[in-house]
Amino acid sequence: MRTLLQRNIRDRIMESLLVLSTIIVLLPLVIIIIHVVVNGISALNWEFFTEELGSPSRAIQGRPTGLVHTIIGTLVVDFMALIIAVPIGIGAGIMLSEYPDHKLNPTLRIMNDTLNGMPAILKGLLAFCTHCKTYGYIFRTGRWCCPGFCDASDYSPDNRKLTDGHSMVNS
């Protein structure tokens, strides 16, 4: 058996290695954050948040660009999600608490527990796989992509064929 002194020495060594490893991993992140803040703080002004984004060439030419459309778009999407999700969530909560013997309760409880334990990125991936792949496949080019995720060069309007040889019409 090891003595208490040997265990304390080994514990201190491992703790020091852990702290050193953490510093080594976090140091590049801290350097990047400091670089971005130091070089980007001058761009944060009132015009940045109120100007239109414009074309990409606008920034290259040194003309001001902004985030007003991005901010408005985010608020609109969030508001629409609230309009859809709040009534469904309140209704499901009322149903789960007031009607415990309803036949949908086991399914609702499983869905609720699953979504509560799932990170947001997986929820987005689930929505992409179930909606974009399905509807993009039907409506866009006959393939799995969403509108906007496919190049315009993938489709040749002359012969209704994709440039990679696939037909737009499922036969």
N, C-alpha and C. Protein backbone atom coordinates (compact mmCIF):
# COMPACT_ATOMS: atom_id res chain seq x y z
N MET A 1 0.83 -1.19 0.00
CA MET A 1 0.00 0.00 0.00
C MET A 1 0.87 1.25 0.00
N ARG A 2 0.35 2.23 -0.66
CA ARG A 2 1.06 3.50 -0.71
C ARG A 2 0.76 4.31 0.55
N THR A 3 1.69 5.08 0.87
CA THR A 3 1.48 5.93 2.04
C THR A 3 0.66 7.15 1.65
N LEU A 4 0.19 7.83 2.64
CA LEU A 4 -0.61 9.03 2.41
C LEU A 4 0.22 10.11 1.73
N LEU A 5 1.48 10.21 2.05
CA LEU A 5 2.36 11.20 1.44
C LEU A 5 2.52 10.94 -0.06
N GLN A 6 2.68 9.67 -0.45
CA GLN A 6 2.81 9.34 -1.87
C GLN A 6 1.53 9.69 -2.63
N ARG A 7 0.38 9.43 -2.03
CA ARG A 7 -0.88 9.77 -2.68
C ARG A 7 -1.04 11.28 -2.85
N ASN A 8 -0.64 12.04 -1.83
CA ASN A 8 -0.74 13.50 -1.92
C ASN A 8 0.20 14.04 -2.99
N ILE A 9 1.40 13.49 -3.09
CA ILE A 9 2.34 13.92 -4.13
C ILE A 9 1.79 13.62 -5.51
N ARG A 10 1.27 12.40 -5.70
CA ARG A 10 0.69 12.02 -6.99
C ARG A 10 -0.53 12.90 -7.31
N ASP A 11 -1.33 13.20 -6.31
CA ASP A 11 -2.49 14.07 -6.51
C ASP A 11 -2.06 15.47 -6.95
N ARG A 12 -1.05 16.02 -6.32
CA ARG A 12 -0.55 17.35 -6.71
C ARG A 12 0.03 17.35 -8.12
N ILE A 13 0.73 16.30 -8.49
CA ILE A 13 1.30 16.21 -9.84
C ILE A 13 0.18 16.16 -10.88
N MET A 14 -0.82 15.32 -10.65
CA MET A 14 -1.92 15.21 -11.61
C MET A 14 -2.74 16.49 -11.68
N GLU A 15 -2.93 17.14 -10.54
CA GLU A 15 -3.65 18.41 -10.54
C GLU A 15 -2.88 19.47 -11.31
N SER A 16 -1.58 19.50 -11.16
CA SER A 16 -0.74 20.45 -11.91
C SER A 16 -0.79 20.17 -13.40
N LEU A 17 -0.75 18.90 -13.79
CA LEU A 17 -0.86 18.55 -15.21
C LEU A 17 -2.21 18.96 -15.78
N LEU A 18 -3.26 18.79 -15.00
CA LEU A 18 -4.59 19.18 -15.45
C LEU A 18 -4.69 20.69 -15.65
N VAL A 19 -4.15 21.46 -14.71
CA VAL A 19 -4.17 22.92 -14.83
C VAL A 19 -3.34 23.36 -16.03
N LEU A 20 -2.16 22.76 -16.21
CA LEU A 20 -1.31 23.09 -17.35
C LEU A 20 -2.00 22.77 -18.68
N SER A 21 -2.65 21.62 -18.75
CA SER A 21 -3.38 21.25 -19.97
C SER A 21 -4.51 22.22 -20.26
N THR A 22 -5.23 22.64 -19.23
CA THR A 22 -6.31 23.60 -19.41
C THR A 22 -5.78 24.93 -19.94
N ILE A 23 -4.67 25.38 -19.39
CA ILE A 23 -4.07 26.63 -19.85
C ILE A 23 -3.62 26.52 -21.30
N ILE A 24 -3.03 25.39 -21.66
CA ILE A 24 -2.57 25.18 -23.04
C ILE A 24 -3.74 25.19 -24.02
N VAL A 25 -4.84 24.62 -23.62
CA VAL A 25 -6.01 24.56 -24.50
C VAL A 25 -6.69 25.93 -24.60
N LEU A 26 -6.80 26.65 -23.49
CA LEU A 26 -7.53 27.92 -23.48
C LEU A 26 -6.71 29.10 -24.00
N LEU A 27 -5.41 29.00 -24.00
CA LEU A 27 -4.57 30.11 -24.42
C LEU A 27 -4.85 30.56 -25.86
N PRO A 28 -4.93 29.66 -26.86
CA PRO A 28 -5.27 30.13 -28.22
C PRO A 28 -6.64 30.80 -28.30
N LEU A 29 -7.61 30.28 -27.55
CA LEU A 29 -8.94 30.89 -27.54
C LEU A 29 -8.88 32.31 -26.99
N VAL A 30 -8.17 32.51 -25.91
CA VAL A 30 -8.05 33.84 -25.32
C VAL A 30 -7.33 34.79 -26.28
N ILE A 31 -6.28 34.31 -26.94
CA ILE A 31 -5.56 35.15 -27.90
C ILE A 31 -6.47 35.57 -29.05
N ILE A 32 -7.27 34.65 -29.56
CA ILE A 32 -8.19 34.97 -30.66
C ILE A 32 -9.24 35.98 -30.21
N ILE A 33 -9.80 35.78 -29.03
CA ILE A 33 -10.83 36.71 -28.53
C ILE A 33 -10.23 38.10 -28.34
N ILE A 34 -9.05 38.20 -27.77
CA ILE A 34 -8.40 39.51 -27.58
C ILE A 34 -8.13 40.17 -28.93
N HIS A 35 -7.66 39.40 -29.90
CA HIS A 35 -7.38 39.95 -31.24
C HIS A 35 -8.66 40.50 -31.88
N VAL A 36 -9.74 39.72 -31.81
CA VAL A 36 -11.00 40.16 -32.41
C VAL A 36 -11.54 41.41 -31.72
N VAL A 37 -11.48 41.46 -30.40
CA VAL A 37 -11.99 42.62 -29.67
C VAL A 37 -11.15 43.86 -29.96
N VAL A 38 -9.84 43.71 -29.93
CA VAL A 38 -8.97 44.88 -30.16
C VAL A 38 -9.14 45.43 -31.57
N ASN A 39 -9.20 44.55 -32.56
CA ASN A 39 -9.30 45.01 -33.95
C ASN A 39 -10.73 45.32 -34.38
N GLY A 40 -11.74 44.82 -33.67
CA GLY A 40 -13.11 45.01 -34.11
C GLY A 40 -13.91 46.02 -33.32
N ILE A 41 -13.39 46.47 -32.21
CA ILE A 41 -14.16 47.39 -31.36
C ILE A 41 -14.43 48.72 -32.07
N SER A 42 -13.55 49.11 -32.96
CA SER A 42 -13.75 50.39 -33.66
C SER A 42 -14.92 50.33 -34.63
N ALA A 43 -15.30 49.15 -35.07
CA ALA A 43 -16.42 49.02 -36.02
C ALA A 43 -17.77 49.08 -35.34
N LEU A 44 -17.82 48.92 -34.04
CA LEU A 44 -19.09 48.94 -33.32
C LEU A 44 -19.51 50.37 -33.02
N ASN A 45 -20.40 50.88 -33.85
CA ASN A 45 -20.96 52.20 -33.64
C ASN A 45 -22.44 52.16 -34.03
N TRP A 46 -23.13 53.27 -33.90
CA TRP A 46 -24.57 53.30 -34.16
C TRP A 46 -24.89 52.95 -35.61
N GLU A 47 -24.06 53.41 -36.55
CA GLU A 47 -24.32 53.13 -37.97
C GLU A 47 -24.21 51.64 -38.28
N PHE A 48 -23.34 50.94 -37.59
CA PHE A 48 -23.17 49.50 -37.82
C PHE A 48 -24.46 48.75 -37.55
N PHE A 49 -25.23 49.20 -36.56
CA PHE A 49 -26.47 48.52 -36.21
C PHE A 49 -27.67 49.07 -36.96
N THR A 50 -27.54 50.22 -37.64
CA THR A 50 -28.70 50.82 -38.30
C THR A 50 -28.56 50.92 -39.82
N GLU A 51 -27.40 50.68 -40.39
CA GLU A 51 -27.21 50.73 -41.84
C GLU A 51 -27.64 49.41 -42.47
N GLU A 52 -27.94 49.47 -43.79
CA GLU A 52 -28.23 48.25 -44.54
C GLU A 52 -26.93 47.52 -44.81
N LEU A 53 -27.05 46.21 -44.96
CA LEU A 53 -25.87 45.39 -45.21
C LEU A 53 -25.28 45.67 -46.58
N GLY A 54 -26.10 45.75 -47.59
CA GLY A 54 -25.62 46.03 -48.93
C GLY A 54 -24.93 44.83 -49.55
N SER A 55 -24.28 45.05 -50.65
CA SER A 55 -23.61 43.96 -51.36
C SER A 55 -22.24 43.71 -50.74
N PRO A 56 -21.66 42.53 -50.99
CA PRO A 56 -20.32 42.25 -50.46
C PRO A 56 -19.27 43.21 -50.99
N SER A 57 -19.46 43.72 -52.20
CA SER A 57 -18.47 44.65 -52.74
C SER A 57 -18.46 45.97 -51.98
N ARG A 58 -19.55 46.26 -51.30
CA ARG A 58 -19.65 47.50 -50.52
C ARG A 58 -18.59 47.53 -49.41
N ALA A 59 -18.40 46.41 -48.74
CA ALA A 59 -17.40 46.35 -47.67
C ALA A 59 -15.99 46.41 -48.25
N ILE A 60 -15.79 45.79 -49.40
CA ILE A 60 -14.47 45.80 -50.02
C ILE A 60 -14.10 47.22 -50.44
N GLN A 61 -15.08 48.00 -50.88
CA GLN A 61 -14.84 49.38 -51.29
C GLN A 61 -14.68 50.32 -50.10
N GLY A 62 -14.88 49.81 -48.89
CA GLY A 62 -14.72 50.65 -47.71
C GLY A 62 -15.95 51.44 -47.34
N ARG A 63 -17.07 51.20 -48.04
CA ARG A 63 -18.31 51.89 -47.70
C ARG A 63 -18.93 51.21 -46.49
N PRO A 64 -19.70 51.94 -45.68
CA PRO A 64 -20.23 51.34 -44.45
C PRO A 64 -21.29 50.27 -44.74
N THR A 65 -21.26 49.25 -43.95
CA THR A 65 -22.27 48.20 -44.00
C THR A 65 -22.88 48.07 -42.61
N GLY A 66 -24.02 47.43 -42.54
CA GLY A 66 -24.69 47.34 -41.24
C GLY A 66 -25.46 46.05 -41.06
N LEU A 67 -26.12 45.96 -39.93
CA LEU A 67 -26.82 44.74 -39.55
C LEU A 67 -28.32 44.92 -39.37
N VAL A 68 -28.90 46.01 -39.83
CA VAL A 68 -30.31 46.27 -39.54
C VAL A 68 -31.21 45.16 -40.09
N HIS A 69 -30.95 44.65 -41.28
CA HIS A 69 -31.79 43.59 -41.85
C HIS A 69 -31.60 42.29 -41.09
N THR A 70 -30.40 42.03 -40.64
CA THR A 70 -30.15 40.82 -39.86
C THR A 70 -30.87 40.87 -38.52
N ILE A 71 -30.84 42.01 -37.88
CA ILE A 71 -31.52 42.16 -36.59
C ILE A 71 -33.03 42.05 -36.77
N ILE A 72 -33.57 42.71 -37.78
CA ILE A 72 -35.02 42.63 -38.03
C ILE A 72 -35.43 41.20 -38.39
N GLY A 73 -34.64 40.54 -39.22
CA GLY A 73 -34.94 39.15 -39.59
C GLY A 73 -34.93 38.22 -38.39
N THR A 74 -33.97 38.41 -37.50
CA THR A 74 -33.91 37.59 -36.29
C THR A 74 -35.14 37.82 -35.42
N LEU A 75 -35.54 39.07 -35.26
CA LEU A 75 -36.73 39.37 -34.46
C LEU A 75 -37.99 38.79 -35.08
N VAL A 76 -38.12 38.87 -36.39
CA VAL A 76 -39.30 38.32 -37.07
C VAL A 76 -39.37 36.80 -36.90
N VAL A 77 -38.24 36.12 -37.12
CA VAL A 77 -38.22 34.66 -36.98
C VAL A 77 -38.53 34.25 -35.54
N ASP A 78 -37.94 34.95 -34.57
CA ASP A 78 -38.20 34.63 -33.17
C ASP A 78 -39.67 34.86 -32.82
N PHE A 79 -40.24 35.96 -33.30
CA PHE A 79 -41.65 36.25 -33.02
C PHE A 79 -42.56 35.20 -33.64
N MET A 80 -42.26 34.80 -34.88
CA MET A 80 -43.07 33.76 -35.52
C MET A 80 -42.96 32.43 -34.78
N ALA A 81 -41.75 32.09 -34.31
CA ALA A 81 -41.57 30.86 -33.54
C ALA A 81 -42.37 30.91 -32.24
N LEU A 82 -42.39 32.09 -31.60
CA LEU A 82 -43.18 32.24 -30.38
C LEU A 82 -44.67 32.08 -30.64
N ILE A 83 -45.13 32.67 -31.74
CA ILE A 83 -46.56 32.57 -32.07
C ILE A 83 -46.97 31.11 -32.26
N ILE A 84 -46.08 30.31 -32.84
CA ILE A 84 -46.40 28.91 -33.09
C ILE A 84 -46.18 28.07 -31.83
N ALA A 85 -45.07 28.27 -31.12
CA ALA A 85 -44.68 27.36 -30.04
C ALA A 85 -45.43 27.59 -28.74
N VAL A 86 -45.73 28.84 -28.40
CA VAL A 86 -46.35 29.10 -27.10
C VAL A 86 -47.73 28.45 -26.98
N PRO A 87 -48.64 28.61 -27.92
CA PRO A 87 -49.94 27.93 -27.77
C PRO A 87 -49.82 26.40 -27.73
N ILE A 88 -48.93 25.85 -28.54
CA ILE A 88 -48.76 24.39 -28.53
C ILE A 88 -48.19 23.94 -27.20
N GLY A 89 -47.19 24.66 -26.69
CA GLY A 89 -46.59 24.28 -25.41
C GLY A 89 -47.56 24.41 -24.25
N ILE A 90 -48.32 25.50 -24.22
CA ILE A 90 -49.30 25.67 -23.14
C ILE A 90 -50.38 24.61 -23.24
N GLY A 91 -50.84 24.34 -24.45
CA GLY A 91 -51.86 23.31 -24.62
C GLY A 91 -51.37 21.92 -24.21
N ALA A 92 -50.14 21.59 -24.57
CA ALA A 92 -49.59 20.29 -24.18
C ALA A 92 -49.41 20.22 -22.67
N GLY A 93 -48.96 21.32 -22.04
CA GLY A 93 -48.81 21.32 -20.59
C GLY A 93 -50.14 21.16 -19.88
N ILE A 94 -51.16 21.85 -20.35
CA ILE A 94 -52.49 21.72 -19.75
C ILE A 94 -53.00 20.30 -19.92
N MET A 95 -52.81 19.74 -21.10
CA MET A 95 -53.29 18.38 -21.34
C MET A 95 -52.57 17.38 -20.44
N LEU A 96 -51.26 17.55 -20.29
CA LEU A 96 -50.51 16.61 -19.45
C LEU A 96 -50.93 16.69 -17.99
N SER A 97 -51.24 17.89 -17.51
CA SER A 97 -51.58 18.02 -16.09
C SER A 97 -53.06 17.79 -15.79
N GLU A 98 -53.94 18.17 -16.69
CA GLU A 98 -55.37 18.08 -16.41
C GLU A 98 -56.01 16.77 -16.86
N TYR A 99 -55.42 16.13 -17.85
CA TYR A 99 -56.00 14.88 -18.37
C TYR A 99 -54.94 13.78 -18.34
N PRO A 100 -54.61 13.27 -17.14
CA PRO A 100 -53.52 12.30 -17.04
C PRO A 100 -53.81 10.96 -17.70
N ASP A 101 -55.07 10.63 -17.93
CA ASP A 101 -55.40 9.33 -18.51
C ASP A 101 -55.63 9.39 -20.01
N HIS A 102 -55.38 10.52 -20.64
CA HIS A 102 -55.59 10.66 -22.08
C HIS A 102 -54.62 9.76 -22.83
N LYS A 103 -55.05 9.25 -23.99
CA LYS A 103 -54.22 8.30 -24.74
C LYS A 103 -52.96 8.93 -25.34
N LEU A 104 -52.93 10.26 -25.50
CA LEU A 104 -51.73 10.92 -26.04
C LEU A 104 -50.68 11.25 -24.98
N ASN A 105 -51.02 11.12 -23.70
CA ASN A 105 -50.11 11.51 -22.64
C ASN A 105 -48.77 10.77 -22.66
N PRO A 106 -48.72 9.47 -22.83
CA PRO A 106 -47.40 8.82 -22.87
C PRO A 106 -46.52 9.33 -24.02
N THR A 107 -47.12 9.56 -25.17
CA THR A 107 -46.36 10.09 -26.30
C THR A 107 -45.87 11.51 -26.03
N LEU A 108 -46.76 12.35 -25.48
CA LEU A 108 -46.37 13.72 -25.16
C LEU A 108 -45.27 13.77 -24.12
N ARG A 109 -45.34 12.90 -23.13
CA ARG A 109 -44.30 12.88 -22.09
C ARG A 109 -42.95 12.46 -22.68
N ILE A 110 -42.95 11.46 -23.54
CA ILE A 110 -41.70 11.02 -24.16
C ILE A 110 -41.12 12.14 -25.03
N MET A 111 -41.98 12.80 -25.83
CA MET A 111 -41.50 13.89 -26.67
C MET A 111 -40.97 15.04 -25.82
N ASN A 112 -41.67 15.37 -24.75
CA ASN A 112 -41.25 16.45 -23.87
C ASN A 112 -39.91 16.15 -23.21
N ASP A 113 -39.76 14.95 -22.68
CA ASP A 113 -38.50 14.57 -22.03
C ASP A 113 -37.35 14.53 -23.03
N THR A 114 -37.62 14.06 -24.24
CA THR A 114 -36.57 13.99 -25.26
C THR A 114 -36.12 15.38 -25.68
N LEU A 115 -37.07 16.27 -25.96
CA LEU A 115 -36.71 17.62 -26.39
C LEU A 115 -36.07 18.44 -25.27
N ASN A 116 -36.44 18.19 -24.03
CA ASN A 116 -35.81 18.90 -22.92
C ASN A 116 -34.36 18.49 -22.73
N GLY A 117 -34.03 17.25 -23.08
CA GLY A 117 -32.67 16.78 -22.90
C GLY A 117 -31.80 16.92 -24.13
N MET A 118 -32.33 17.50 -25.20
CA MET A 118 -31.61 17.57 -26.47
C MET A 118 -31.00 18.97 -26.66
N PRO A 119 -29.72 19.05 -27.03
CA PRO A 119 -29.13 20.36 -27.31
C PRO A 119 -29.80 21.02 -28.52
N ALA A 120 -29.74 22.34 -28.58
CA ALA A 120 -30.42 23.10 -29.63
C ALA A 120 -29.89 22.75 -31.01
N ILE A 121 -28.61 22.46 -31.14
CA ILE A 121 -28.05 22.15 -32.46
C ILE A 121 -28.65 20.85 -33.01
N LEU A 122 -28.94 19.90 -32.13
CA LEU A 122 -29.58 18.66 -32.59
C LEU A 122 -31.03 18.90 -32.99
N LYS A 123 -31.70 19.83 -32.33
CA LYS A 123 -33.07 20.16 -32.73
C LYS A 123 -33.07 20.79 -34.12
N GLY A 124 -32.10 21.66 -34.38
CA GLY A 124 -31.99 22.25 -35.71
C GLY A 124 -31.68 21.22 -36.77
N LEU A 125 -30.79 20.28 -36.45
CA LEU A 125 -30.46 19.21 -37.38
C LEU A 125 -31.67 18.33 -37.65
N LEU A 126 -32.45 18.06 -36.60
CA LEU A 126 -33.67 17.28 -36.77
C LEU A 126 -34.65 18.00 -37.69
N ALA A 127 -34.82 19.30 -37.49
CA ALA A 127 -35.72 20.07 -38.35
C ALA A 127 -35.21 20.09 -39.79
N PHE A 128 -33.91 20.23 -39.98
CA PHE A 128 -33.34 20.22 -41.33
C PHE A 128 -33.60 18.89 -42.01
N CYS A 129 -33.35 17.80 -41.29
CA CYS A 129 -33.51 16.48 -41.89
C CYS A 129 -34.96 16.16 -42.20
N THR A 130 -35.87 16.57 -41.32
CA THR A 130 -37.27 16.20 -41.55
C THR A 130 -37.99 17.14 -42.51
N HIS A 131 -37.63 18.42 -42.54
CA HIS A 131 -38.35 19.37 -43.38
C HIS A 131 -37.59 19.71 -44.66
N CYS A 132 -36.39 20.18 -44.52
CA CYS A 132 -35.66 20.65 -45.70
C CYS A 132 -35.37 19.52 -46.67
N LYS A 133 -34.95 18.39 -46.15
CA LYS A 133 -34.65 17.30 -47.06
C LYS A 133 -35.91 16.82 -47.77
N THR A 134 -37.01 16.75 -47.03
CA THR A 134 -38.26 16.28 -47.64
C THR A 134 -38.80 17.28 -48.64
N TYR A 135 -38.99 18.53 -48.21
CA TYR A 135 -39.61 19.52 -49.09
C TYR A 135 -38.65 19.98 -50.18
N GLY A 136 -37.36 20.04 -49.87
CA GLY A 136 -36.39 20.40 -50.89
C GLY A 136 -36.34 19.35 -51.98
N TYR A 137 -36.46 18.09 -51.59
CA TYR A 137 -36.45 17.00 -52.55
C TYR A 137 -37.65 17.10 -53.48
N ILE A 138 -38.78 17.44 -52.94
CA ILE A 138 -40.00 17.50 -53.75
C ILE A 138 -40.03 18.74 -54.63
N PHE A 139 -39.68 19.90 -54.07
CA PHE A 139 -39.93 21.16 -54.75
C PHE A 139 -38.74 21.74 -55.49
N ARG A 140 -37.51 21.43 -55.11
CA ARG A 140 -36.39 22.17 -55.69
C ARG A 140 -35.87 21.52 -56.97
N THR A 141 -35.12 20.46 -56.82
CA THR A 141 -34.45 19.90 -57.99
C THR A 141 -34.61 18.40 -58.09
N GLY A 142 -35.44 17.83 -57.26
CA GLY A 142 -35.54 16.38 -57.26
C GLY A 142 -34.45 15.73 -56.44
N ARG A 143 -33.63 16.53 -55.80
CA ARG A 143 -32.60 15.98 -54.92
C ARG A 143 -32.90 16.40 -53.49
N TRP A 144 -32.01 16.13 -52.57
CA TRP A 144 -32.29 16.33 -51.15
C TRP A 144 -32.07 17.74 -50.65
N CYS A 145 -31.64 18.67 -51.49
CA CYS A 145 -31.23 19.97 -50.99
C CYS A 145 -32.41 20.93 -50.81
N CYS A 146 -32.22 21.88 -49.90
CA CYS A 146 -33.20 22.93 -49.67
C CYS A 146 -33.07 24.00 -50.74
N PRO A 147 -34.13 24.75 -51.01
CA PRO A 147 -33.98 25.92 -51.88
C PRO A 147 -32.96 26.87 -51.25
N GLY A 148 -32.03 27.31 -52.05
CA GLY A 148 -31.00 28.18 -51.54
C GLY A 148 -29.71 27.45 -51.21
N PHE A 149 -29.78 26.13 -51.02
CA PHE A 149 -28.59 25.36 -50.74
C PHE A 149 -28.01 24.76 -52.01
N CYS A 150 -28.76 24.82 -53.11
CA CYS A 150 -28.28 24.29 -54.39
C CYS A 150 -27.80 25.43 -55.27
N ASP A 151 -26.80 25.15 -56.06
CA ASP A 151 -26.34 26.14 -57.02
C ASP A 151 -27.33 26.27 -58.16
N ALA A 152 -27.43 27.46 -58.71
CA ALA A 152 -28.25 27.65 -59.91
C ALA A 152 -27.63 26.90 -61.08
N SER A 153 -26.33 26.65 -61.01
CA SER A 153 -25.66 25.94 -62.10
C SER A 153 -26.00 24.47 -62.11
N ASP A 154 -26.65 23.96 -61.04
CA ASP A 154 -27.03 22.55 -61.01
C ASP A 154 -28.18 22.25 -61.97
N TYR A 155 -28.91 23.28 -62.38
CA TYR A 155 -30.10 23.08 -63.19
C TYR A 155 -29.91 23.73 -64.54
N SER A 156 -30.21 22.97 -65.56
CA SER A 156 -30.15 23.49 -66.91
C SER A 156 -31.57 23.61 -67.44
N PRO A 157 -32.11 24.81 -67.65
CA PRO A 157 -33.51 24.96 -68.04
C PRO A 157 -33.80 24.46 -69.45
N ASP A 158 -32.77 24.28 -70.29
CA ASP A 158 -33.01 23.86 -71.66
C ASP A 158 -33.57 22.45 -71.74
N ASN A 159 -32.98 21.53 -71.00
CA ASN A 159 -33.40 20.14 -71.15
C ASN A 159 -34.02 19.57 -69.88
N ARG A 160 -34.33 20.42 -68.92
CA ARG A 160 -34.93 20.00 -67.65
C ARG A 160 -34.14 18.87 -67.00
N LYS A 161 -32.85 18.91 -67.18
CA LYS A 161 -31.97 17.93 -66.54
C LYS A 161 -30.97 18.69 -65.67
N LEU A 162 -30.57 18.06 -64.62
CA LEU A 162 -29.50 18.62 -63.80
C LEU A 162 -28.19 18.38 -64.53
N THR A 163 -27.22 19.26 -64.27
CA THR A 163 -25.95 19.13 -64.97
C THR A 163 -25.19 17.89 -64.59
N ASP A 164 -25.53 17.25 -63.46
CA ASP A 164 -24.86 16.01 -63.10
C ASP A 164 -25.55 14.79 -63.69
N GLY A 165 -26.58 14.99 -64.53
CA GLY A 165 -27.21 13.89 -65.25
C GLY A 165 -28.53 13.43 -64.68
N HIS A 166 -28.91 13.87 -63.49
CA HIS A 166 -30.17 13.46 -62.91
C HIS A 166 -31.32 14.24 -63.53
N SER A 167 -32.46 13.61 -63.65
CA SER A 167 -33.63 14.27 -64.19
C SER A 167 -34.38 14.98 -63.07
N MET A 168 -35.03 16.11 -63.39
CA MET A 168 -35.83 16.81 -62.39
C MET A 168 -37.12 16.05 -62.10
N VAL A 169 -37.62 15.30 -63.05
CA VAL A 169 -38.86 14.59 -62.89
C VAL A 169 -38.54 13.18 -62.41
N ASN A 170 -39.14 12.79 -61.28
CA ASN A 170 -38.90 11.44 -60.77
C ASN A 170 -39.67 10.45 -61.63
N SER A 171 -38.96 9.54 -62.25
CA SER A 171 -39.65 8.58 -63.10
C SER A 171 -39.48 7.18 -62.60
